[in-house]
C-alpha cells in the first residue's frame, strides 16, 4: 500500500458539485436517520450539514434526502433511492480511479519524501 488516496469531486454540468463531504454526509444520514446526528458524528456544524443537503438536493432531479419535521415522535432524514444511487455511483467512480491509478501511486510514492 502506498498511503496515497484519491479524492474525487464530481463537477456536474448544472454547476453543482458532489465530493467526499457530500458522500460522507449521505452515508451518515443513512445510518443515523438525522441531519443533526450526522453533523455531530462528522464534527460538522448543523447549518453546514443542512446546506450540504440542500446543495445535493438542488443538484439532483429528485431529492437525495427527504426530511420530516420534528414533533411528538421527532423528525428525521432519509436517504432516498436517488441518494443511494449517488453514493453507489460515486464509490464506483472512486474505485475505478483508484484501481487504474495503482501503478502511478507506486511511482509517486517512490519519488516522495518519507515521513
PDB file of N, CA and C in Angstrom:
ATOM      1  N   UNK A   1       0.854  -1.188   0.000  1.00  0.00           N
ATOM      2  CA  UNK A   1       0.000   0.000   0.000  1.00  0.00           C
ATOM      3  C   UNK A   1       0.887   1.233   0.000  1.00  0.00           C
ATOM      4  N   UNK A   2       0.522   2.211  -0.803  1.00  0.00           N
ATOM      5  CA  UNK A   2       1.336   3.412  -0.953  1.00  0.00           C
ATOM      6  C   UNK A   2       0.993   4.506   0.043  1.00  0.00           C
ATOM      7  N   UNK A   3      -0.164   4.433   0.672  1.00  0.00           N
ATOM      8  CA  UNK A   3      -0.602   5.503   1.559  1.00  0.00           C
ATOM      9  C   UNK A   3      -1.150   6.697   0.799  1.00  0.00           C
ATOM     10  N   UNK A   4      -1.282   6.568  -0.508  1.00  0.00           N
ATOM     11  CA  UNK A   4      -1.818   7.634  -1.349  1.00  0.00           C
ATOM     12  C   UNK A   4      -3.278   7.315  -1.639  1.00  0.00           C
ATOM     13  N   UNK A   5      -4.122   8.319  -1.566  1.00  0.00           N
ATOM     14  CA  UNK A   5      -5.547   8.140  -1.822  1.00  0.00           C
ATOM     15  C   UNK A   5      -6.017   9.186  -2.816  1.00  0.00           C
ATOM     16  N   UNK A   6      -7.023   8.835  -3.560  1.00  0.00           N
ATOM     17  CA  UNK A   6      -7.644   9.781  -4.485  1.00  0.00           C
ATOM     18  C   UNK A   6      -8.889  10.345  -3.823  1.00  0.00           C
ATOM     19  N   UNK A   7      -9.077  11.634  -3.961  1.00  0.00           N
ATOM     20  CA  UNK A   7     -10.298  12.286  -3.518  1.00  0.00           C
ATOM     21  C   UNK A   7     -11.004  12.768  -4.770  1.00  0.00           C
ATOM     22  N   UNK A   8     -12.206  12.280  -4.986  1.00  0.00           N
ATOM     23  CA  UNK A   8     -12.950  12.584  -6.200  1.00  0.00           C
ATOM     24  C   UNK A   8     -13.964  13.690  -5.925  1.00  0.00           C
ATOM     25  N   UNK A   9     -14.031  14.638  -6.811  1.00  0.00           N
ATOM     26  CA  UNK A   9     -15.092  15.649  -6.788  1.00  0.00           C
ATOM     27  C   UNK A   9     -15.719  15.651  -8.167  1.00  0.00           C
ATOM     28  N   UNK A  10     -17.014  15.446  -8.215  1.00  0.00           N
ATOM     29  CA  UNK A  10     -17.728  15.438  -9.484  1.00  0.00           C
ATOM     30  C   UNK A  10     -18.273  16.836  -9.744  1.00  0.00           C
ATOM     31  N   UNK A  11     -17.822  17.447 -10.813  1.00  0.00           N
ATOM     32  CA  UNK A  11     -18.329  18.752 -11.230  1.00  0.00           C
ATOM     33  C   UNK A  11     -19.422  18.492 -12.260  1.00  0.00           C
ATOM     34  N   UNK A  12     -20.664  18.693 -11.851  1.00  0.00           N
ATOM     35  CA  UNK A  12     -21.799  18.368 -12.701  1.00  0.00           C
ATOM     36  C   UNK A  12     -22.043  19.460 -13.741  1.00  0.00           C
ATOM     37  N   UNK A  13     -22.681  19.082 -14.831  1.00  0.00           N
ATOM     38  CA  UNK A  13     -22.963  20.014 -15.925  1.00  0.00           C
ATOM     39  C   UNK A  13     -23.836  21.180 -15.462  1.00  0.00           C
ATOM     40  N   UNK A  14     -24.642  20.966 -14.422  1.00  0.00           N
ATOM     41  CA  UNK A  14     -25.517  22.036 -13.936  1.00  0.00           C
ATOM     42  C   UNK A  14     -24.798  23.006 -12.994  1.00  0.00           C
ATOM     43  N   UNK A  15     -23.479  22.823 -12.833  1.00  0.00           N
ATOM     44  CA  UNK A  15     -22.690  23.728 -11.993  1.00  0.00           C
ATOM     45  C   UNK A  15     -22.531  23.267 -10.559  1.00  0.00           C
ATOM     46  N   UNK A  16     -23.279  22.267 -10.158  1.00  0.00           N
ATOM     47  CA  UNK A  16     -23.164  21.736  -8.802  1.00  0.00           C
ATOM     48  C   UNK A  16     -22.010  20.752  -8.705  1.00  0.00           C
ATOM     49  N   UNK A  17     -21.632  20.451  -7.468  1.00  0.00           N
ATOM     50  CA  UNK A  17     -20.521  19.529  -7.218  1.00  0.00           C
ATOM     51  C   UNK A  17     -20.923  18.508  -6.171  1.00  0.00           C
ATOM     52  N   UNK A  18     -20.402  17.300  -6.345  1.00  0.00           N
ATOM     53  CA  UNK A  18     -20.570  16.234  -5.353  1.00  0.00           C
ATOM     54  C   UNK A  18     -19.166  15.725  -5.048  1.00  0.00           C
ATOM     55  N   UNK A  19     -18.795  15.794  -3.769  1.00  0.00           N
ATOM     56  CA  UNK A  19     -17.458  15.360  -3.371  1.00  0.00           C
ATOM     57  C   UNK A  19     -17.503  14.530  -2.108  1.00  0.00           C
ATOM     58  N   UNK A  20     -16.349  14.319  -1.506  1.00  0.00           N
ATOM     59  CA  UNK A  20     -16.260  13.457  -0.332  1.00  0.00           C
ATOM     60  C   UNK A  20     -17.134  13.906   0.840  1.00  0.00           C
ATOM     61  N   UNK A  21     -17.256  15.202   1.053  1.00  0.00           N
ATOM     62  CA  UNK A  21     -18.064  15.686   2.187  1.00  0.00           C
ATOM     63  C   UNK A  21     -19.537  15.355   1.980  1.00  0.00           C
ATOM     64  N   UNK A  22     -20.026  15.537   0.769  1.00  0.00           N
ATOM     65  CA  UNK A  22     -21.422  15.244   0.479  1.00  0.00           C
ATOM     66  C   UNK A  22     -21.703  13.752   0.624  1.00  0.00           C
ATOM     67  N   UNK A  23     -20.789  12.936   0.116  1.00  0.00           N
ATOM     68  CA  UNK A  23     -20.988  11.481   0.194  1.00  0.00           C
ATOM     69  C   UNK A  23     -20.922  11.015   1.641  1.00  0.00           C
ATOM     70  N   UNK A  24     -19.959  11.517   2.397  1.00  0.00           N
ATOM     71  CA  UNK A  24     -19.862  11.144   3.822  1.00  0.00           C
ATOM     72  C   UNK A  24     -21.138  11.524   4.553  1.00  0.00           C
ATOM     73  N   UNK A  25     -21.665  12.712   4.270  1.00  0.00           N
ATOM     74  CA  UNK A  25     -22.890  13.152   4.921  1.00  0.00           C
ATOM     75  C   UNK A  25     -24.062  12.238   4.563  1.00  0.00           C
ATOM     76  N   UNK A  26     -24.215  11.914   3.290  1.00  0.00           N
ATOM     77  CA  UNK A  26     -25.286  10.999   2.886  1.00  0.00           C
ATOM     78  C   UNK A  26     -25.164   9.655   3.598  1.00  0.00           C
ATOM     79  N   UNK A  27     -23.945   9.139   3.663  1.00  0.00           N
ATOM     80  CA  UNK A  27     -23.746   7.833   4.300  1.00  0.00           C
ATOM     81  C   UNK A  27     -24.085   7.859   5.789  1.00  0.00           C
ATOM     82  N   UNK A  28     -23.741   8.935   6.471  1.00  0.00           N
ATOM     83  CA  UNK A  28     -24.028   9.005   7.905  1.00  0.00           C
ATOM     84  C   UNK A  28     -25.509   9.287   8.145  1.00  0.00           C
ATOM     85  N   UNK A  29     -26.132  10.087   7.294  1.00  0.00           N
ATOM     86  CA  UNK A  29     -27.582  10.285   7.411  1.00  0.00           C
ATOM     87  C   UNK A  29     -28.290   8.946   7.258  1.00  0.00           C
ATOM     88  N   UNK A  30     -27.837   8.136   6.332  1.00  0.00           N
ATOM     89  CA  UNK A  30     -28.425   6.814   6.112  1.00  0.00           C
ATOM     90  C   UNK A  30     -28.396   5.986   7.391  1.00  0.00           C
ATOM     91  N   UNK A  31     -27.301   6.063   8.135  1.00  0.00           N
ATOM     92  CA  UNK A  31     -27.136   5.276   9.362  1.00  0.00           C
ATOM     93  C   UNK A  31     -27.855   5.917  10.545  1.00  0.00           C
ATOM     94  N   UNK A  32     -27.693   7.229  10.698  1.00  0.00           N
ATOM     95  CA  UNK A  32     -28.206   7.930  11.884  1.00  0.00           C
ATOM     96  C   UNK A  32     -29.663   8.355  11.756  1.00  0.00           C
ATOM     97  N   UNK A  33     -30.155   8.515  10.520  1.00  0.00           N
ATOM     98  CA  UNK A  33     -31.543   8.921  10.328  1.00  0.00           C
ATOM     99  C   UNK A  33     -31.830  10.363  10.681  1.00  0.00           C
ATOM    100  N   UNK A  34     -30.774  11.182  10.709  1.00  0.00           N
ATOM    101  CA  UNK A  34     -30.946  12.573  11.117  1.00  0.00           C
ATOM    102  C   UNK A  34     -29.790  13.410  10.589  1.00  0.00           C
ATOM    103  N   UNK A  35     -30.117  14.596  10.090  1.00  0.00           N
ATOM    104  CA  UNK A  35     -29.065  15.519   9.647  1.00  0.00           C
ATOM    105  C   UNK A  35     -28.277  16.005  10.852  1.00  0.00           C
ATOM    106  N   UNK A  36     -28.962  16.322  11.934  1.00  0.00           N
ATOM    107  CA  UNK A  36     -28.287  16.805  13.143  1.00  0.00           C
ATOM    108  C   UNK A  36     -27.322  15.746  13.690  1.00  0.00           C
ATOM    109  N   UNK A  37     -27.770  14.499  13.778  1.00  0.00           N
ATOM    110  CA  UNK A  37     -26.911  13.426  14.290  1.00  0.00           C
ATOM    111  C   UNK A  37     -25.738  13.168  13.345  1.00  0.00           C
ATOM    112  N   UNK A  38     -25.989  13.264  12.045  1.00  0.00           N
ATOM    113  CA  UNK A  38     -24.916  13.076  11.066  1.00  0.00           C
ATOM    114  C   UNK A  38     -23.880  14.187  11.199  1.00  0.00           C
ATOM    115  N   UNK A  39     -24.347  15.423  11.344  1.00  0.00           N
ATOM    116  CA  UNK A  39     -23.428  16.560  11.516  1.00  0.00           C
ATOM    117  C   UNK A  39     -22.580  16.364  12.761  1.00  0.00           C
ATOM    118  N   UNK A  40     -23.221  15.986  13.845  1.00  0.00           N
ATOM    119  CA  UNK A  40     -22.497  15.764  15.102  1.00  0.00           C
ATOM    120  C   UNK A  40     -21.447  14.664  14.912  1.00  0.00           C
ATOM    121  N   UNK A  41     -21.826  13.585  14.271  1.00  0.00           N
ATOM    122  CA  UNK A  41     -20.913  12.461  14.046  1.00  0.00           C
ATOM    123  C   UNK A  41     -19.694  12.885  13.205  1.00  0.00           C
ATOM    124  N   UNK A  42     -19.931  13.756  12.232  1.00  0.00           N
ATOM    125  CA  UNK A  42     -18.854  14.195  11.344  1.00  0.00           C
ATOM    126  C   UNK A  42     -18.087  15.401  11.885  1.00  0.00           C
ATOM    127  N   UNK A  43     -18.511  15.934  13.040  1.00  0.00           N
ATOM    128  CA  UNK A  43     -17.856  17.117  13.589  1.00  0.00           C
ATOM    129  C   UNK A  43     -18.139  18.358  12.760  1.00  0.00           C
ATOM    130  N   UNK A  44     -19.323  18.395  12.188  1.00  0.00           N
ATOM    131  CA  UNK A  44     -19.720  19.460  11.275  1.00  0.00           C
ATOM    132  C   UNK A  44     -20.837  20.270  11.934  1.00  0.00           C
ATOM    133  N   UNK A  45     -20.863  21.542  11.699  1.00  0.00           N
ATOM    134  CA  UNK A  45     -21.957  22.366  12.197  1.00  0.00           C
ATOM    135  C   UNK A  45     -23.259  21.917  11.536  1.00  0.00           C
ATOM    136  N   UNK A  46     -24.344  21.951  12.296  1.00  0.00           N
ATOM    137  CA  UNK A  46     -25.644  21.545  11.757  1.00  0.00           C
ATOM    138  C   UNK A  46     -26.000  22.367  10.522  1.00  0.00           C
ATOM    139  N   UNK A  47     -25.782  23.663  10.589  1.00  0.00           N
ATOM    140  CA  UNK A  47     -26.105  24.527   9.443  1.00  0.00           C
ATOM    141  C   UNK A  47     -25.326  24.118   8.203  1.00  0.00           C
ATOM    142  N   UNK A  48     -24.052  23.783   8.375  1.00  0.00           N
ATOM    143  CA  UNK A  48     -23.233  23.330   7.247  1.00  0.00           C
ATOM    144  C   UNK A  48     -23.819  22.065   6.648  1.00  0.00           C
ATOM    145  N   UNK A  49     -24.190  21.122   7.512  1.00  0.00           N
ATOM    146  CA  UNK A  49     -24.772  19.861   7.044  1.00  0.00           C
ATOM    147  C   UNK A  49     -26.087  20.130   6.311  1.00  0.00           C
ATOM    148  N   UNK A  50     -26.919  20.985   6.890  1.00  0.00           N
ATOM    149  CA  UNK A  50     -28.204  21.304   6.273  1.00  0.00           C
ATOM    150  C   UNK A  50     -27.994  21.923   4.890  1.00  0.00           C
ATOM    151  N   UNK A  51     -27.041  22.851   4.784  1.00  0.00           N
ATOM    152  CA  UNK A  51     -26.760  23.489   3.498  1.00  0.00           C
ATOM    153  C   UNK A  51     -26.216  22.484   2.486  1.00  0.00           C
ATOM    154  N   UNK A  52     -25.394  21.540   2.941  1.00  0.00           N
ATOM    155  CA  UNK A  52     -24.896  20.500   2.040  1.00  0.00           C
ATOM    156  C   UNK A  52     -26.041  19.633   1.523  1.00  0.00           C
ATOM    157  N   UNK A  53     -26.975  19.287   2.395  1.00  0.00           N
ATOM    158  CA  UNK A  53     -28.136  18.503   1.967  1.00  0.00           C
ATOM    159  C   UNK A  53     -28.936  19.291   0.932  1.00  0.00           C
ATOM    160  N   UNK A  54     -29.158  20.565   1.181  1.00  0.00           N
ATOM    161  CA  UNK A  54     -29.868  21.398   0.203  1.00  0.00           C
ATOM    162  C   UNK A  54     -29.119  21.442  -1.124  1.00  0.00           C
ATOM    163  N   UNK A  55     -27.814  21.571  -1.044  1.00  0.00           N
ATOM    164  CA  UNK A  55     -26.958  21.611  -2.237  1.00  0.00           C
ATOM    165  C   UNK A  55     -27.091  20.306  -3.033  1.00  0.00           C
ATOM    166  N   UNK A  56     -27.031  19.179  -2.347  1.00  0.00           N
ATOM    167  CA  UNK A  56     -27.159  17.878  -3.012  1.00  0.00           C
ATOM    168  C   UNK A  56     -28.544  17.765  -3.649  1.00  0.00           C
ATOM    169  N   UNK A  57     -29.586  18.113  -2.899  1.00  0.00           N
ATOM    170  CA  UNK A  57     -30.948  18.011  -3.423  1.00  0.00           C
ATOM    171  C   UNK A  57     -31.166  18.905  -4.637  1.00  0.00           C
ATOM    172  N   UNK A  58     -30.572  20.100  -4.621  1.00  0.00           N
ATOM    173  CA  UNK A  58     -30.699  21.017  -5.764  1.00  0.00           C
ATOM    174  C   UNK A  58     -29.984  20.469  -7.000  1.00  0.00           C
ATOM    175  N   UNK A  59     -28.950  19.691  -6.798  1.00  0.00           N
ATOM    176  CA  UNK A  59     -28.169  19.148  -7.904  1.00  0.00           C
ATOM    177  C   UNK A  59     -28.897  18.024  -8.637  1.00  0.00           C
ATOM    178  N   UNK A  60     -29.792  17.339  -7.940  1.00  0.00           N
ATOM    179  CA  UNK A  60     -30.462  16.170  -8.484  1.00  0.00           C
ATOM    180  C   UNK A  60     -31.857  16.516  -9.000  1.00  0.00           C
ATOM    181  N   UNK A  61     -32.350  15.716  -9.927  1.00  0.00           N
ATOM    182  CA  UNK A  61     -33.719  15.909 -10.429  1.00  0.00           C
ATOM    183  C   UNK A  61     -34.746  15.608  -9.358  1.00  0.00           C
ATOM    184  N   UNK A  62     -34.426  14.650  -8.490  1.00  0.00           N
ATOM    185  CA  UNK A  62     -35.278  14.291  -7.359  1.00  0.00           C
ATOM    186  C   UNK A  62     -34.407  14.372  -6.112  1.00  0.00           C
ATOM    187  N   UNK A  63     -35.004  14.606  -4.949  1.00  0.00           N
ATOM    188  CA  UNK A  63     -34.209  14.750  -3.719  1.00  0.00           C
ATOM    189  C   UNK A  63     -33.395  13.493  -3.391  1.00  0.00           C
ATOM    190  N   UNK A  64     -32.198  13.722  -2.889  1.00  0.00           N
ATOM    191  CA  UNK A  64     -31.343  12.642  -2.404  1.00  0.00           C
ATOM    192  C   UNK A  64     -31.628  12.358  -0.934  1.00  0.00           C
ATOM    193  N   UNK A  65     -32.183  13.370  -0.255  1.00  0.00           N
ATOM    194  CA  UNK A  65     -32.533  13.257   1.168  1.00  0.00           C
ATOM    195  C   UNK A  65     -33.901  13.891   1.357  1.00  0.00           C
ATOM    196  N   UNK A  66     -34.756  13.203   2.090  1.00  0.00           N
ATOM    197  CA  UNK A  66     -36.031  13.800   2.495  1.00  0.00           C
ATOM    198  C   UNK A  66     -36.025  13.937   4.003  1.00  0.00           C
ATOM    199  N   UNK A  67     -36.760  14.927   4.485  1.00  0.00           N
ATOM    200  CA  UNK A  67     -36.800  15.181   5.925  1.00  0.00           C
ATOM    201  C   UNK A  67     -38.239  15.208   6.410  1.00  0.00           C
ATOM    202  N   UNK A  68     -38.384  14.905   7.692  1.00  0.00           N
ATOM    203  CA  UNK A  68     -39.678  15.012   8.359  1.00  0.00           C
ATOM    204  C   UNK A  68     -39.506  15.982   9.513  1.00  0.00           C
ATOM    205  N   UNK A  69     -40.454  16.879   9.673  1.00  0.00           N
ATOM    206  CA  UNK A  69     -40.414  17.858  10.745  1.00  0.00           C
ATOM    207  C   UNK A  69     -40.549  17.149  12.086  1.00  0.00           C
ATOM    208  N   UNK A  70     -39.857  17.669  13.086  1.00  0.00           N
ATOM    209  CA  UNK A  70     -39.943  17.109  14.435  1.00  0.00           C
ATOM    210  C   UNK A  70     -41.350  17.203  14.981  1.00  0.00           C
ATOM    211  N   UNK A  71     -41.539  16.632  16.099  1.00  0.00           N
ATOM    212  CA  UNK A  71     -42.857  16.626  16.724  1.00  0.00           C
ATOM    213  C   UNK A  71     -42.834  15.644  17.872  1.00  0.00           C
ATOM    214  N   UNK A  72     -43.973  15.076  18.160  1.00  0.00           N
ATOM    215  CA  UNK A  72     -44.091  14.143  19.275  1.00  0.00           C
ATOM    216  C   UNK A  72     -43.109  12.966  19.144  1.00  0.00           C
ATOM    217  N   UNK A  73     -42.968  12.457  17.933  1.00  0.00           N
ATOM    218  CA  UNK A  73     -42.066  11.315  17.713  1.00  0.00           C
ATOM    219  C   UNK A  73     -40.751  11.742  17.060  1.00  0.00           C
ATOM    220  N   UNK A  74     -40.515  13.035  16.995  1.00  0.00           N
ATOM    221  CA  UNK A  74     -39.265  13.540  16.435  1.00  0.00           C
ATOM    222  C   UNK A  74     -39.288  13.557  14.920  1.00  0.00           C
ATOM    223  N   UNK A  75     -38.358  14.264  14.358  1.00  0.00           N
ATOM    224  CA  UNK A  75     -38.229  14.347  12.911  1.00  0.00           C
ATOM    225  C   UNK A  75     -37.240  13.312  12.430  1.00  0.00           C
ATOM    226  N   UNK A  76     -36.624  13.610  11.366  1.00  0.00           N
ATOM    227  CA  UNK A  76     -35.620  12.701  10.852  1.00  0.00           C
ATOM    228  C   UNK A  76     -35.317  12.991   9.398  1.00  0.00           C
ATOM    229  N   UNK A  77     -34.390  12.243   8.880  1.00  0.00           N
ATOM    230  CA  UNK A  77     -33.998  12.373   7.482  1.00  0.00           C
ATOM    231  C   UNK A  77     -33.765  10.986   6.922  1.00  0.00           C
ATOM    232  N   UNK A  78     -34.090  10.831   5.653  1.00  0.00           N
ATOM    233  CA  UNK A  78     -33.941   9.554   4.972  1.00  0.00           C
ATOM    234  C   UNK A  78     -33.215   9.790   3.659  1.00  0.00           C
ATOM    235  N   UNK A  79     -32.239   8.944   3.371  1.00  0.00           N
ATOM    236  CA  UNK A  79     -31.576   8.966   2.068  1.00  0.00           C
ATOM    237  C   UNK A  79     -32.509   8.225   1.107  1.00  0.00           C
ATOM    238  N   UNK A  80     -32.902   8.900   0.052  1.00  0.00           N
ATOM    239  CA  UNK A  80     -33.849   8.347  -0.921  1.00  0.00           C
ATOM    240  C   UNK A  80     -33.126   7.383  -1.872  1.00  0.00           C
ATOM    241  N   UNK A  81     -33.878   6.680  -2.714  1.00  0.00           N
ATOM    242  CA  UNK A  81     -33.229   5.852  -3.735  1.00  0.00           C
ATOM    243  C   UNK A  81     -32.266   6.642  -4.623  1.00  0.00           C
ATOM    244  N   UNK A  82     -32.596   7.902  -4.907  1.00  0.00           N
ATOM    245  CA  UNK A  82     -31.681   8.753  -5.687  1.00  0.00           C
ATOM    246  C   UNK A  82     -30.380   8.963  -4.912  1.00  0.00           C
ATOM    247  N   UNK A  83     -30.491   9.261  -3.623  1.00  0.00           N
ATOM    248  CA  UNK A  83     -29.302   9.425  -2.789  1.00  0.00           C
ATOM    249  C   UNK A  83     -28.471   8.158  -2.722  1.00  0.00           C
ATOM    250  N   UNK A  84     -29.141   7.019  -2.606  1.00  0.00           N
ATOM    251  CA  UNK A  84     -28.436   5.728  -2.585  1.00  0.00           C
ATOM    252  C   UNK A  84     -27.675   5.515  -3.889  1.00  0.00           C
ATOM    253  N   UNK A  85     -28.298   5.877  -5.006  1.00  0.00           N
ATOM    254  CA  UNK A  85     -27.657   5.718  -6.312  1.00  0.00           C
ATOM    255  C   UNK A  85     -26.460   6.656  -6.445  1.00  0.00           C
ATOM    256  N   UNK A  86     -26.588   7.883  -5.922  1.00  0.00           N
ATOM    257  CA  UNK A  86     -25.468   8.836  -5.949  1.00  0.00           C
ATOM    258  C   UNK A  86     -24.276   8.247  -5.186  1.00  0.00           C
ATOM    259  N   UNK A  87     -24.533   7.697  -4.003  1.00  0.00           N
ATOM    260  CA  UNK A  87     -23.469   7.073  -3.208  1.00  0.00           C
ATOM    261  C   UNK A  87     -22.830   5.932  -3.991  1.00  0.00           C
ATOM    262  N   UNK A  88     -23.661   5.081  -4.566  1.00  0.00           N
ATOM    263  CA  UNK A  88     -23.169   3.923  -5.319  1.00  0.00           C
ATOM    264  C   UNK A  88     -22.301   4.341  -6.505  1.00  0.00           C
ATOM    265  N   UNK A  89     -22.799   5.288  -7.284  1.00  0.00           N
ATOM    266  CA  UNK A  89     -22.053   5.735  -8.466  1.00  0.00           C
ATOM    267  C   UNK A  89     -20.748   6.411  -8.063  1.00  0.00           C
ATOM    268  N   UNK A  90     -20.799   7.255  -7.053  1.00  0.00           N
ATOM    269  CA  UNK A  90     -19.598   7.946  -6.578  1.00  0.00           C
ATOM    270  C   UNK A  90     -18.522   6.923  -6.189  1.00  0.00           C
ATOM    271  N   UNK A  91     -18.902   5.919  -5.392  1.00  0.00           N
ATOM    272  CA  UNK A  91     -17.925   4.914  -4.958  1.00  0.00           C
ATOM    273  C   UNK A  91     -17.439   4.055  -6.125  1.00  0.00           C
ATOM    274  N   UNK A  92     -18.282   3.835  -7.110  1.00  0.00           N
ATOM    275  CA  UNK A  92     -17.860   3.103  -8.301  1.00  0.00           C
ATOM    276  C   UNK A  92     -16.783   3.880  -9.052  1.00  0.00           C
ATOM    277  N   UNK A  93     -17.016   5.173  -9.239  1.00  0.00           N
ATOM    278  CA  UNK A  93     -16.029   6.031  -9.906  1.00  0.00           C
ATOM    279  C   UNK A  93     -14.734   6.051  -9.105  1.00  0.00           C
ATOM    280  N   UNK A  94     -14.865   6.223  -7.798  1.00  0.00           N
ATOM    281  CA  UNK A  94     -13.702   6.263  -6.912  1.00  0.00           C
ATOM    282  C   UNK A  94     -12.905   4.960  -7.001  1.00  0.00           C
ATOM    283  N   UNK A  95     -13.598   3.830  -6.968  1.00  0.00           N
ATOM    284  CA  UNK A  95     -12.936   2.528  -7.048  1.00  0.00           C
ATOM    285  C   UNK A  95     -12.227   2.324  -8.372  1.00  0.00           C
ATOM    286  N   UNK A  96     -12.885   2.728  -9.452  1.00  0.00           N
ATOM    287  CA  UNK A  96     -12.281   2.607 -10.781  1.00  0.00           C
ATOM    288  C   UNK A  96     -11.020   3.459 -10.873  1.00  0.00           C
ATOM    289  N   UNK A  97     -11.110   4.694 -10.387  1.00  0.00           N
ATOM    290  CA  UNK A  97      -9.957   5.588 -10.445  1.00  0.00           C
ATOM    291  C   UNK A  97      -8.791   5.048  -9.616  1.00  0.00           C
ATOM    292  N   UNK A  98      -9.073   4.564  -8.420  1.00  0.00           N
ATOM    293  CA  UNK A  98      -8.014   4.025  -7.562  1.00  0.00           C
ATOM    294  C   UNK A  98      -7.371   2.800  -8.183  1.00  0.00           C
ATOM    295  N   UNK A  99      -8.189   1.916  -8.729  1.00  0.00           N
ATOM    296  CA  UNK A  99      -7.651   0.702  -9.350  1.00  0.00           C
ATOM    297  C   UNK A  99      -6.765   1.045 -10.546  1.00  0.00           C
ATOM    298  N   UNK A 100      -7.209   1.988 -11.349  1.00  0.00           N
ATOM    299  CA  UNK A 100      -6.445   2.387 -12.527  1.00  0.00           C
ATOM    300  C   UNK A 100      -5.161   3.139 -12.170  1.00  0.00           C
ATOM    301  N   UNK A 101      -5.137   3.779 -11.021  1.00  0.00           N
ATOM    302  CA  UNK A 101      -4.006   4.632 -10.651  1.00  0.00           C
ATOM    303  C   UNK A 101      -2.959   3.932  -9.783  1.00  0.00           C
ATOM    304  N   UNK A 102      -3.120   2.670  -9.471  1.00  0.00           N
ATOM    305  CA  UNK A 102      -2.199   1.996  -8.550  1.00  0.00           C
ATOM    306  C   UNK A 102      -0.735   2.090  -8.995  1.00  0.00           C
ATOM    307  N   UNK A 103      -0.446   1.874 -10.270  1.00  0.00           N
ATOM    308  CA  UNK A 103       0.940   1.949 -10.753  1.00  0.00           C
ATOM    309  C   UNK A 103       1.497   3.355 -10.541  1.00  0.00           C
ATOM    310  N   UNK A 104       0.680   4.354 -10.831  1.00  0.00           N
ATOM    311  CA  UNK A 104       1.109   5.738 -10.653  1.00  0.00           C
ATOM    312  C   UNK A 104       1.274   6.080  -9.177  1.00  0.00           C
ATOM    313  N   UNK A 105       0.425   5.502  -8.311  1.00  0.00           N
ATOM    314  CA  UNK A 105       0.576   5.697  -6.866  1.00  0.00           C
ATOM    315  C   UNK A 105       1.952   5.221  -6.429  1.00  0.00           C
ATOM    316  N   UNK A 106       2.341   4.041  -6.885  1.00  0.00           N
ATOM    317  CA  UNK A 106       3.645   3.499  -6.501  1.00  0.00           C
ATOM    318  C   UNK A 106       4.778   4.368  -7.047  1.00  0.00           C
ATOM    319  N   UNK A 107       4.625   4.875  -8.255  1.00  0.00           N
ATOM    320  CA  UNK A 107       5.659   5.729  -8.856  1.00  0.00           C
ATOM    321  C   UNK A 107       5.811   7.029  -8.059  1.00  0.00           C
ATOM    322  N   UNK A 108       4.715   7.655  -7.714  1.00  0.00           N
ATOM    323  CA  UNK A 108       4.811   8.918  -6.961  1.00  0.00           C
ATOM    324  C   UNK A 108       5.307   8.653  -5.551  1.00  0.00           C
ATOM    325  N   UNK A 109       4.940   7.518  -4.975  1.00  0.00           N
ATOM    326  CA  UNK A 109       5.420   7.171  -3.615  1.00  0.00           C
ATOM    327  C   UNK A 109       6.933   7.014  -3.621  1.00  0.00           C
ATOM    328  N   UNK A 110       7.482   6.455  -4.685  1.00  0.00           N
ATOM    329  CA  UNK A 110       8.943   6.290  -4.776  1.00  0.00           C
ATOM    330  C   UNK A 110       9.636   7.645  -4.862  1.00  0.00           C
ATOM    331  N   UNK A 111       8.975   8.641  -5.415  1.00  0.00           N
ATOM    332  CA  UNK A 111       9.562   9.966  -5.570  1.00  0.00           C
ATOM    333  C   UNK A 111       9.341  10.860  -4.344  1.00  0.00           C
ATOM    334  N   UNK A 112       8.350  10.498  -3.534  1.00  0.00           N
ATOM    335  CA  UNK A 112       8.007  11.378  -2.403  1.00  0.00           C
ATOM    336  C   UNK A 112       8.933  11.168  -1.224  1.00  0.00           C
ATOM    337  N   UNK A 113       9.009  12.186  -0.394  1.00  0.00           N
ATOM    338  CA  UNK A 113       9.805  12.165   0.828  1.00  0.00           C
ATOM    339  C   UNK A 113       9.087  11.310   1.850  1.00  0.00           C
ATOM    340  N   UNK A 114       9.797  10.407   2.478  1.00  0.00           N
ATOM    341  CA  UNK A 114       9.207   9.567   3.516  1.00  0.00           C
ATOM    342  C   UNK A 114       9.024  10.395   4.779  1.00  0.00           C
ATOM    343  N   UNK A 115       7.893  10.216   5.453  1.00  0.00           N
ATOM    344  CA  UNK A 115       7.658  10.959   6.699  1.00  0.00           C
ATOM    345  C   UNK A 115       7.462  10.023   7.837  1.00  0.00           C
TER     346      UNK A 115
END
